[in-house]
Amino acid sequence: MPITLIPVSEKDIWTGSTWVIEDEDALAELIARVAIGQSRVVERILRATGASSPGYPKGGFDGARELLLVEPGCKPYHRDGWMFQVISWIAAHRRSLDDLIRAPHMIQADKGLDGLLVEFDVDEIARVVISEEKATKNPLKMVRSEVWPEFVDFESGRRDNELIASVTSLLATSDDPDPDETVANILWQNKRAYRVAVTVGDAHSTKQGRKILYKGYEAAVPGEVARRRAETLYVPDVRTWFAQIADKARAVIDAEEVKSNV
């Protein structure tokens, strides 16, 4: 698998993991499949079901490449952010094969939830995990100015309608016989949990650095430690690294397009 998760935690404050990219080529291929619309195929690969993976579709190549390109004169933030959401989605699957995890958006910029996970305890929903995922050169500023306020907003209950709609749609893809009834019975204040994932450089890649980075988490999200997840991906040069992975993923798409025309 392209990503390894190393458990980390800060006592009584948060728990989570750091991500290590073990195989950039394999990661790029998974990103390419998601870009072309095959997130279900990627899930199958990550679950290692033993079933052979289907080939690429006969179309969709131009749209897939667009997700991995930066328009001339534009900054790479949206492209890198989309790729990081895909990486975060892969990491979530690596953490647990039993969770229901919403597939990545198919557009670079989206104002909704970055990620959404539903965890189960037997047949009952244990937690609905709201995930904020940021590819950034300044993780400390991003966490404090954007992520914590976003979590506080969700904690207030003001955006429960957004959660209800998102969780209902996610459950509709599962074996739940009546997603609307299931969601109607959720006590949201008891079920909400949070997950923050950011790229980090040298300053926040150590235990002390992560402690500084995620300071204030328990103030934004009070309660038991299980409500607060924290993830990091160490990337010394964020923009260069994402550009390289995007190049690899586009090369996969280009090669598959050539095969489809043979």
C-alpha atoms as a PDB file:
ATOM      1  CA  MET A   1       0.000   0.000   0.000  1.00  0.00           C
ATOM      2  CA  PRO A   2       1.279   3.486  -0.787  1.00  0.00           C
ATOM      3  CA  ILE A   3       0.610   5.004   2.664  1.00  0.00           C
ATOM      4  CA  THR A   4       1.660   3.814   6.124  1.00  0.00           C
ATOM      5  CA  LEU A   5       0.048   5.286   9.246  1.00  0.00           C
ATOM      6  CA  ILE A   6       2.168   5.785  12.359  1.00  0.00           C
ATOM      7  CA  PRO A   7       0.049   6.310  15.504  1.00  0.00           C
ATOM      8  CA  VAL A   8       0.674   9.505  17.485  1.00  0.00           C
ATOM      9  CA  SER A   9      -1.211  11.244  20.277  1.00  0.00           C
ATOM     10  CA  GLU A  10      -1.166  14.039  22.812  1.00  0.00           C
ATOM     11  CA  LYS A  11      -2.378  12.711  26.158  1.00  0.00           C
ATOM     12  CA  ASP A  12      -6.047  13.482  26.865  1.00  0.00           C
ATOM     13  CA  ILE A  13      -6.151  16.043  24.040  1.00  0.00           C
ATOM     14  CA  TRP A  14      -6.108  14.255  20.662  1.00  0.00           C
ATOM     15  CA  THR A  15      -5.163  11.023  18.959  1.00  0.00           C
ATOM     16  CA  GLY A  16      -4.236  10.319  15.379  1.00  0.00           C
ATOM     17  CA  SER A  17      -1.368   9.435  13.071  1.00  0.00           C
ATOM     18  CA  THR A  18       1.359  10.693  10.814  1.00  0.00           C
ATOM     19  CA  TRP A  19       1.288   9.457   7.220  1.00  0.00           C
ATOM     20  CA  VAL A  20       4.339   8.125   5.429  1.00  0.00           C
ATOM     21  CA  ILE A  21       4.234   7.800   1.644  1.00  0.00           C
ATOM     22  CA  GLU A  22       5.891   4.468   0.881  1.00  0.00           C
ATOM     23  CA  ASP A  23       5.296   4.307  -2.879  1.00  0.00           C
ATOM     24  CA  GLU A  24       4.730   7.506  -4.851  1.00  0.00           C
ATOM     25  CA  ASP A  25       4.021   5.660  -8.102  1.00  0.00           C
ATOM     26  CA  ALA A  26       1.303   3.544  -6.477  1.00  0.00           C
ATOM     27  CA  LEU A  27      -0.156   6.652  -4.843  1.00  0.00           C
ATOM     28  CA  ALA A  28      -0.214   8.465  -8.189  1.00  0.00           C
ATOM     29  CA  GLU A  29      -2.062   5.560  -9.802  1.00  0.00           C
ATOM     30  CA  LEU A  30      -4.742   5.618  -7.103  1.00  0.00           C
ATOM     31  CA  ILE A  31      -5.118   9.384  -7.513  1.00  0.00           C
ATOM     32  CA  ALA A  32      -5.411   8.905 -11.289  1.00  0.00           C
ATOM     33  CA  ARG A  33      -8.216   6.377 -10.804  1.00  0.00           C
ATOM     34  CA  VAL A  34     -10.104   8.728  -8.489  1.00  0.00           C
ATOM     35  CA  ALA A  35      -9.627  11.582 -10.982  1.00  0.00           C
ATOM     36  CA  ILE A  36     -11.179   9.501 -13.750  1.00  0.00           C
ATOM     37  CA  GLY A  37     -14.142   8.593 -11.561  1.00  0.00           C
ATOM     38  CA  GLN A  38     -13.138   5.179 -10.209  1.00  0.00           C
ATOM     39  CA  SER A  39     -13.195   5.817  -6.451  1.00  0.00           C
ATOM     40  CA  ARG A  40     -15.115   2.554  -5.971  1.00  0.00           C
ATOM     41  CA  VAL A  41     -12.309   0.687  -7.715  1.00  0.00           C
ATOM     42  CA  VAL A  42      -9.779   2.339  -5.423  1.00  0.00           C
ATOM     43  CA  GLU A  43     -11.831   1.279  -2.400  1.00  0.00           C
ATOM     44  CA  ARG A  44     -11.712  -2.284  -3.685  1.00  0.00           C
ATOM     45  CA  ILE A  45      -7.936  -2.071  -4.082  1.00  0.00           C
ATOM     46  CA  LEU A  46      -7.529  -0.640  -0.574  1.00  0.00           C
ATOM     47  CA  ARG A  47      -9.706  -3.359   0.896  1.00  0.00           C
ATOM     48  CA  ALA A  48      -7.534  -5.966  -0.859  1.00  0.00           C
ATOM     49  CA  THR A  49     -10.559  -8.117  -1.618  1.00  0.00           C
ATOM     50  CA  GLY A  50      -8.623 -10.310  -4.029  1.00  0.00           C
ATOM     51  CA  ALA A  51     -10.903  -9.408  -6.902  1.00  0.00           C
ATOM     52  CA  SER A  52      -9.158  -8.216 -10.045  1.00  0.00           C
ATOM     53  CA  SER A  53      -9.415  -4.492 -10.662  1.00  0.00           C
ATOM     54  CA  PRO A  54     -11.354  -3.474 -13.780  1.00  0.00           C
ATOM     55  CA  GLY A  55      -9.576  -1.517 -16.460  1.00  0.00           C
ATOM     56  CA  TYR A  56      -9.910   2.200 -16.954  1.00  0.00           C
ATOM     57  CA  PRO A  57     -13.037   3.522 -18.681  1.00  0.00           C
ATOM     58  CA  LYS A  58     -12.946   4.449 -22.361  1.00  0.00           C
ATOM     59  CA  GLY A  59     -13.518   8.144 -21.656  1.00  0.00           C
ATOM     60  CA  GLY A  60     -13.163  10.842 -19.030  1.00  0.00           C
ATOM     61  CA  PHE A  61      -9.461  11.406 -19.669  1.00  0.00           C
ATOM     62  CA  ASP A  62      -9.694  15.147 -20.349  1.00  0.00           C
ATOM     63  CA  GLY A  63     -11.693  15.836 -17.199  1.00  0.00           C
ATOM     64  CA  ALA A  64      -9.322  13.708 -15.123  1.00  0.00           C
ATOM     65  CA  ARG A  65      -6.320  15.634 -16.405  1.00  0.00           C
ATOM     66  CA  GLU A  66      -8.025  18.939 -15.614  1.00  0.00           C
ATOM     67  CA  LEU A  67      -8.263  17.948 -11.945  1.00  0.00           C
ATOM     68  CA  LEU A  68      -4.498  17.485 -11.934  1.00  0.00           C
ATOM     69  CA  LEU A  69      -3.557  20.663 -13.795  1.00  0.00           C
ATOM     70  CA  VAL A  70      -3.050  24.256 -12.724  1.00  0.00           C
ATOM     71  CA  GLU A  71      -4.394  26.789 -15.207  1.00  0.00           C
ATOM     72  CA  PRO A  72      -1.814  29.303 -16.507  1.00  0.00           C
ATOM     73  CA  GLY A  73      -1.583  32.286 -14.183  1.00  0.00           C
ATOM     74  CA  CYS A  74      -3.363  30.449 -11.353  1.00  0.00           C
ATOM     75  CA  LYS A  75      -1.995  29.269  -8.016  1.00  0.00           C
ATOM     76  CA  PRO A  76      -1.820  25.506  -7.326  1.00  0.00           C
ATOM     77  CA  TYR A  77      -3.843  25.694  -4.096  1.00  0.00           C
ATOM     78  CA  HIS A  78      -7.045  24.143  -5.439  1.00  0.00           C
ATOM     79  CA  ARG A  79      -5.255  21.356  -7.345  1.00  0.00           C
ATOM     80  CA  ASP A  80      -3.071  20.492  -4.346  1.00  0.00           C
ATOM     81  CA  GLY A  81      -6.062  20.712  -1.998  1.00  0.00           C
ATOM     82  CA  TRP A  82      -8.042  18.261  -4.107  1.00  0.00           C
ATOM     83  CA  MET A  83      -5.125  15.823  -4.270  1.00  0.00           C
ATOM     84  CA  PHE A  84      -4.643  16.060  -0.509  1.00  0.00           C
ATOM     85  CA  GLN A  85      -8.305  15.249   0.053  1.00  0.00           C
ATOM     86  CA  VAL A  86      -7.810  12.116  -2.035  1.00  0.00           C
ATOM     87  CA  ILE A  87      -4.712  11.202  -0.008  1.00  0.00           C
ATOM     88  CA  SER A  88      -6.636  11.811   3.218  1.00  0.00           C
ATOM     89  CA  TRP A  89      -9.459   9.596   1.947  1.00  0.00           C
ATOM     90  CA  ILE A  90      -6.935   6.831   1.214  1.00  0.00           C
ATOM     91  CA  ALA A  91      -5.428   7.250   4.697  1.00  0.00           C
ATOM     92  CA  ALA A  92      -8.898   6.990   6.263  1.00  0.00           C
ATOM     93  CA  HIS A  93      -9.396   3.661   4.505  1.00  0.00           C
ATOM     94  CA  ARG A  94      -5.995   2.519   5.748  1.00  0.00           C
ATOM     95  CA  ARG A  95      -7.082   3.307   9.310  1.00  0.00           C
ATOM     96  CA  SER A  96     -10.299   1.308   9.134  1.00  0.00           C
ATOM     97  CA  LEU A  97     -11.973  -0.895   6.548  1.00  0.00           C
ATOM     98  CA  ASP A  98     -15.275  -0.856   8.433  1.00  0.00           C
ATOM     99  CA  ASP A  99     -16.016   2.865   8.287  1.00  0.00           C
ATOM    100  CA  LEU A 100     -18.265   4.423   5.689  1.00  0.00           C
ATOM    101  CA  ILE A 101     -16.163   7.139   4.040  1.00  0.00           C
ATOM    102  CA  ARG A 102     -17.450   9.664   1.558  1.00  0.00           C
ATOM    103  CA  ALA A 103     -15.605   9.622  -1.759  1.00  0.00           C
ATOM    104  CA  PRO A 104     -13.637  12.755  -2.718  1.00  0.00           C
ATOM    105  CA  HIS A 105     -15.342  15.572  -4.580  1.00  0.00           C
ATOM    106  CA  MET A 106     -14.845  15.606  -8.335  1.00  0.00           C
ATOM    107  CA  ILE A 107     -14.100  19.329  -8.536  1.00  0.00           C
ATOM    108  CA  GLN A 108     -10.999  21.143  -7.314  1.00  0.00           C
ATOM    109  CA  ALA A 109     -12.733  23.771  -5.178  1.00  0.00           C
ATOM    110  CA  ASP A 110     -15.745  22.939  -3.027  1.00  0.00           C
ATOM    111  CA  LYS A 111     -17.176  24.950  -0.142  1.00  0.00           C
ATOM    112  CA  GLY A 112     -18.721  21.998   1.678  1.00  0.00           C
ATOM    113  CA  LEU A 113     -17.188  19.482   4.050  1.00  0.00           C
ATOM    114  CA  ASP A 114     -13.708  18.354   3.065  1.00  0.00           C
ATOM    115  CA  GLY A 115     -14.372  14.816   4.269  1.00  0.00           C
ATOM    116  CA  LEU A 116     -16.985  12.786   6.123  1.00  0.00           C
ATOM    117  CA  LEU A 117     -16.710   9.432   7.885  1.00  0.00           C
ATOM    118  CA  VAL A 118     -19.360   7.329   9.599  1.00  0.00           C
ATOM    119  CA  GLU A 119     -18.101   4.846  12.191  1.00  0.00           C
ATOM    120  CA  PHE A 120     -20.218   1.961  13.456  1.00  0.00           C
ATOM    121  CA  ASP A 121     -20.534   0.020  16.707  1.00  0.00           C
ATOM    122  CA  VAL A 122     -22.059  -3.275  15.553  1.00  0.00           C
ATOM    123  CA  ASP A 123     -25.110  -2.042  13.573  1.00  0.00           C
ATOM    124  CA  GLU A 124     -25.383   1.354  15.231  1.00  0.00           C
ATOM    125  CA  ILE A 125     -23.698   4.592  14.222  1.00  0.00           C
ATOM    126  CA  ALA A 126     -20.973   5.275  16.768  1.00  0.00           C
ATOM    127  CA  ARG A 127     -19.682   8.564  15.384  1.00  0.00           C
ATOM    128  CA  VAL A 128     -20.047  10.940  12.477  1.00  0.00           C
ATOM    129  CA  VAL A 129     -16.566  12.341  11.874  1.00  0.00           C
ATOM    130  CA  ILE A 130     -16.236  15.778  10.261  1.00  0.00           C
ATOM    131  CA  SER A 131     -12.898  16.050   8.490  1.00  0.00           C
ATOM    132  CA  GLU A 132     -10.966  19.177   7.498  1.00  0.00           C
ATOM    133  CA  GLU A 133      -8.037  18.504   5.165  1.00  0.00           C
ATOM    134  CA  LYS A 134      -5.552  21.201   4.118  1.00  0.00           C
ATOM    135  CA  ALA A 135      -2.479  21.092   1.898  1.00  0.00           C
ATOM    136  CA  THR A 136      -0.659  24.171   3.109  1.00  0.00           C
ATOM    137  CA  LYS A 137       2.754  25.771   3.549  1.00  0.00           C
ATOM    138  CA  ASN A 138       1.593  27.361   6.805  1.00  0.00           C
ATOM    139  CA  PRO A 139      -0.248  24.694   8.825  1.00  0.00           C
ATOM    140  CA  LEU A 140      -0.246  26.643  12.102  1.00  0.00           C
ATOM    141  CA  LYS A 141      -2.039  29.618  10.570  1.00  0.00           C
ATOM    142  CA  MET A 142      -4.412  27.342   8.659  1.00  0.00           C
ATOM    143  CA  VAL A 143      -5.399  25.322  11.725  1.00  0.00           C
ATOM    144  CA  ARG A 144      -5.963  28.333  13.953  1.00  0.00           C
ATOM    145  CA  SER A 145      -7.637  30.669  11.467  1.00  0.00           C
ATOM    146  CA  GLU A 146      -9.728  28.178   9.466  1.00  0.00           C
ATOM    147  CA  VAL A 147      -9.977  24.707  10.984  1.00  0.00           C
ATOM    148  CA  TRP A 148     -10.767  25.536  14.613  1.00  0.00           C
ATOM    149  CA  PRO A 149     -13.442  28.127  13.645  1.00  0.00           C
ATOM    150  CA  GLU A 150     -14.968  25.566  11.272  1.00  0.00           C
ATOM    151  CA  PHE A 151     -15.163  22.975  14.060  1.00  0.00           C
ATOM    152  CA  VAL A 152     -16.636  25.511  16.482  1.00  0.00           C
ATOM    153  CA  ASP A 153     -19.295  26.278  13.879  1.00  0.00           C
ATOM    154  CA  PHE A 154     -20.237  22.606  13.604  1.00  0.00           C
ATOM    155  CA  GLU A 155     -20.196  22.221  17.391  1.00  0.00           C
ATOM    156  CA  SER A 156     -22.764  25.005  17.685  1.00  0.00           C
ATOM    157  CA  GLY A 157     -25.278  22.889  15.759  1.00  0.00           C
ATOM    158  CA  ARG A 158     -25.815  25.645  13.196  1.00  0.00           C
ATOM    159  CA  ARG A 159     -24.818  23.326  10.348  1.00  0.00           C
ATOM    160  CA  ASP A 160     -26.668  20.206  11.446  1.00  0.00           C
ATOM    161  CA  ASN A 161     -28.845  20.427   8.332  1.00  0.00           C
ATOM    162  CA  GLU A 162     -25.695  20.059   6.238  1.00  0.00           C
ATOM    163  CA  LEU A 163     -24.652  17.037   8.286  1.00  0.00           C
ATOM    164  CA  ILE A 164     -28.097  15.467   7.999  1.00  0.00           C
ATOM    165  CA  ALA A 165     -28.082  15.763   4.212  1.00  0.00           C
ATOM    166  CA  SER A 166     -24.487  14.534   3.874  1.00  0.00           C
ATOM    167  CA  VAL A 167     -24.866  11.555   6.207  1.00  0.00           C
ATOM    168  CA  THR A 168     -28.187  10.540   4.627  1.00  0.00           C
ATOM    169  CA  SER A 169     -26.588  10.542   1.169  1.00  0.00           C
ATOM    170  CA  LEU A 170     -23.623   8.529   2.451  1.00  0.00           C
ATOM    171  CA  LEU A 171     -25.830   5.943   4.181  1.00  0.00           C
ATOM    172  CA  ALA A 172     -27.851   5.592   0.973  1.00  0.00           C
ATOM    173  CA  THR A 173     -24.749   4.020  -0.597  1.00  0.00           C
ATOM    174  CA  SER A 174     -24.612   1.378   2.148  1.00  0.00           C
ATOM    175  CA  ASP A 175     -26.838  -1.503   3.238  1.00  0.00           C
ATOM    176  CA  ASP A 176     -28.924   0.724   5.521  1.00  0.00           C
ATOM    177  CA  PRO A 177     -32.588  -0.079   4.738  1.00  0.00           C
ATOM    178  CA  ASP A 178     -33.849   3.377   5.748  1.00  0.00           C
ATOM    179  CA  PRO A 179     -31.151   6.078   5.832  1.00  0.00           C
ATOM    180  CA  ASP A 180     -33.668   8.848   6.538  1.00  0.00           C
ATOM    181  CA  GLU A 181     -34.963   7.077   9.650  1.00  0.00           C
ATOM    182  CA  THR A 182     -31.442   6.288  10.832  1.00  0.00           C
ATOM    183  CA  VAL A 183     -30.336   9.896  10.512  1.00  0.00           C
ATOM    184  CA  ALA A 184     -33.543  11.217  12.095  1.00  0.00           C
ATOM    185  CA  ASN A 185     -32.728   9.247  15.251  1.00  0.00           C
ATOM    186  CA  ILE A 186     -29.162  10.542  15.628  1.00  0.00           C
ATOM    187  CA  LEU A 187     -28.488  12.679  18.700  1.00  0.00           C
ATOM    188  CA  TRP A 188     -26.001  14.906  16.953  1.00  0.00           C
ATOM    189  CA  GLN A 189     -24.323  16.381  20.012  1.00  0.00           C
ATOM    190  CA  ASN A 190     -23.450  12.864  21.202  1.00  0.00           C
ATOM    191  CA  LYS A 191     -22.295  11.519  17.839  1.00  0.00           C
ATOM    192  CA  ARG A 192     -20.148  14.311  16.384  1.00  0.00           C
ATOM    193  CA  ALA A 193     -16.378  13.859  16.185  1.00  0.00           C
ATOM    194  CA  TYR A 194     -13.689  15.707  14.260  1.00  0.00           C
ATOM    195  CA  ARG A 195     -10.591  15.006  12.219  1.00  0.00           C
ATOM    196  CA  VAL A 196      -8.000  17.540  11.083  1.00  0.00           C
ATOM    197  CA  ALA A 197      -5.341  16.601   8.528  1.00  0.00           C
ATOM    198  CA  VAL A 198      -2.642  18.965   7.271  1.00  0.00           C
ATOM    199  CA  THR A 199       0.687  18.906   5.490  1.00  0.00           C
ATOM    200  CA  VAL A 200       3.604  19.881   7.741  1.00  0.00           C
ATOM    201  CA  GLY A 201       7.246  20.847   7.342  1.00  0.00           C
ATOM    202  CA  ASP A 202      10.141  20.491   9.749  1.00  0.00           C
ATOM    203  CA  ALA A 203       8.638  22.811  12.388  1.00  0.00           C
ATOM    204  CA  HIS A 204       5.615  20.581  13.063  1.00  0.00           C
ATOM    205  CA  SER A 205       6.830  17.084  12.179  1.00  0.00           C
ATOM    206  CA  THR A 206       7.976  16.205  15.719  1.00  0.00           C
ATOM    207  CA  LYS A 207       6.017  15.449  18.870  1.00  0.00           C
ATOM    208  CA  GLN A 208       6.650  18.944  20.212  1.00  0.00           C
ATOM    209  CA  GLY A 209       5.816  20.456  16.826  1.00  0.00           C
ATOM    210  CA  ARG A 210       2.496  18.619  16.643  1.00  0.00           C
ATOM    211  CA  LYS A 211       1.711  19.696  20.205  1.00  0.00           C
ATOM    212  CA  ILE A 212       2.151  23.332  19.180  1.00  0.00           C
ATOM    213  CA  LEU A 213       0.269  22.845  15.911  1.00  0.00           C
ATOM    214  CA  TYR A 214      -2.841  21.378  17.516  1.00  0.00           C
ATOM    215  CA  LYS A 215      -2.900  23.569  20.602  1.00  0.00           C
ATOM    216  CA  GLY A 216      -6.445  24.682  21.320  1.00  0.00           C
ATOM    217  CA  TYR A 217      -8.133  21.601  19.878  1.00  0.00           C
ATOM    218  CA  GLU A 218      -9.867  20.734  23.151  1.00  0.00           C
ATOM    219  CA  ALA A 219     -11.196  24.294  23.432  1.00  0.00           C
ATOM    220  CA  ALA A 220     -12.731  24.147  19.952  1.00  0.00           C
ATOM    221  CA  VAL A 221     -14.042  20.607  20.477  1.00  0.00           C
ATOM    222  CA  PRO A 222     -14.617  19.837  24.171  1.00  0.00           C
ATOM    223  CA  GLY A 223     -15.316  16.399  25.564  1.00  0.00           C
ATOM    224  CA  GLU A 224     -13.628  13.026  25.396  1.00  0.00           C
ATOM    225  CA  VAL A 225     -10.392  12.592  23.491  1.00  0.00           C
ATOM    226  CA  ALA A 226     -12.054  10.244  20.977  1.00  0.00           C
ATOM    227  CA  ARG A 227     -13.845  13.276  19.538  1.00  0.00           C
ATOM    228  CA  ARG A 228     -10.549  14.807  18.375  1.00  0.00           C
ATOM    229  CA  ARG A 229      -8.465  13.177  15.608  1.00  0.00           C
ATOM    230  CA  ALA A 230      -5.273  14.773  14.295  1.00  0.00           C
ATOM    231  CA  GLU A 231      -3.308  13.697  11.213  1.00  0.00           C
ATOM    232  CA  THR A 232      -0.170  15.033   9.517  1.00  0.00           C
ATOM    233  CA  LEU A 233       1.742  14.397   6.301  1.00  0.00           C
ATOM    234  CA  TYR A 234       5.358  15.549   6.360  1.00  0.00           C
ATOM    235  CA  VAL A 235       6.222  17.248   3.069  1.00  0.00           C
ATOM    236  CA  PRO A 236       9.283  19.549   3.181  1.00  0.00           C
ATOM    237  CA  ASP A 237       8.374  21.307  -0.104  1.00  0.00           C
ATOM    238  CA  VAL A 238       4.598  21.139  -0.457  1.00  0.00           C
ATOM    239  CA  ARG A 239       4.048  22.685  -3.886  1.00  0.00           C
ATOM    240  CA  THR A 240       6.942  20.884  -5.571  1.00  0.00           C
ATOM    241  CA  TRP A 241       5.910  17.510  -4.166  1.00  0.00           C
ATOM    242  CA  PHE A 242       2.271  17.825  -5.211  1.00  0.00           C
ATOM    243  CA  ALA A 243       3.326  18.945  -8.675  1.00  0.00           C
ATOM    244  CA  GLN A 244       5.493  15.834  -9.004  1.00  0.00           C
ATOM    245  CA  ILE A 245       2.683  13.510  -7.892  1.00  0.00           C
ATOM    246  CA  ALA A 246       0.281  15.275 -10.270  1.00  0.00           C
ATOM    247  CA  ASP A 247       2.751  14.714 -13.130  1.00  0.00           C
ATOM    248  CA  LYS A 248       2.935  11.006 -12.287  1.00  0.00           C
ATOM    249  CA  ALA A 249      -0.869  10.711 -12.116  1.00  0.00           C
ATOM    250  CA  ARG A 250      -1.310  12.490 -15.461  1.00  0.00           C
ATOM    251  CA  ALA A 251       1.247  10.138 -17.001  1.00  0.00           C
ATOM    252  CA  VAL A 252      -0.897   7.199 -15.864  1.00  0.00           C
ATOM    253  CA  ILE A 253      -3.992   8.791 -17.406  1.00  0.00           C
ATOM    254  CA  ASP A 254      -2.146   9.534 -20.667  1.00  0.00           C
ATOM    255  CA  ALA A 255      -0.934   5.932 -20.914  1.00  0.00           C
ATOM    256  CA  GLU A 256      -4.420   4.566 -20.286  1.00  0.00           C
ATOM    257  CA  GLU A 257      -5.878   6.846 -22.946  1.00  0.00           C
ATOM    258  CA  VAL A 258      -3.369   5.499 -25.469  1.00  0.00           C
ATOM    259  CA  LYS A 259      -4.375   1.924 -24.555  1.00  0.00           C
ATOM    260  CA  SER A 260      -8.051   2.759 -24.980  1.00  0.00           C
ATOM    261  CA  ASN A 261      -7.418   3.910 -28.550  1.00  0.00           C
ATOM    262  CA  VAL A 262      -5.530   0.806 -29.622  1.00  0.00           C
END
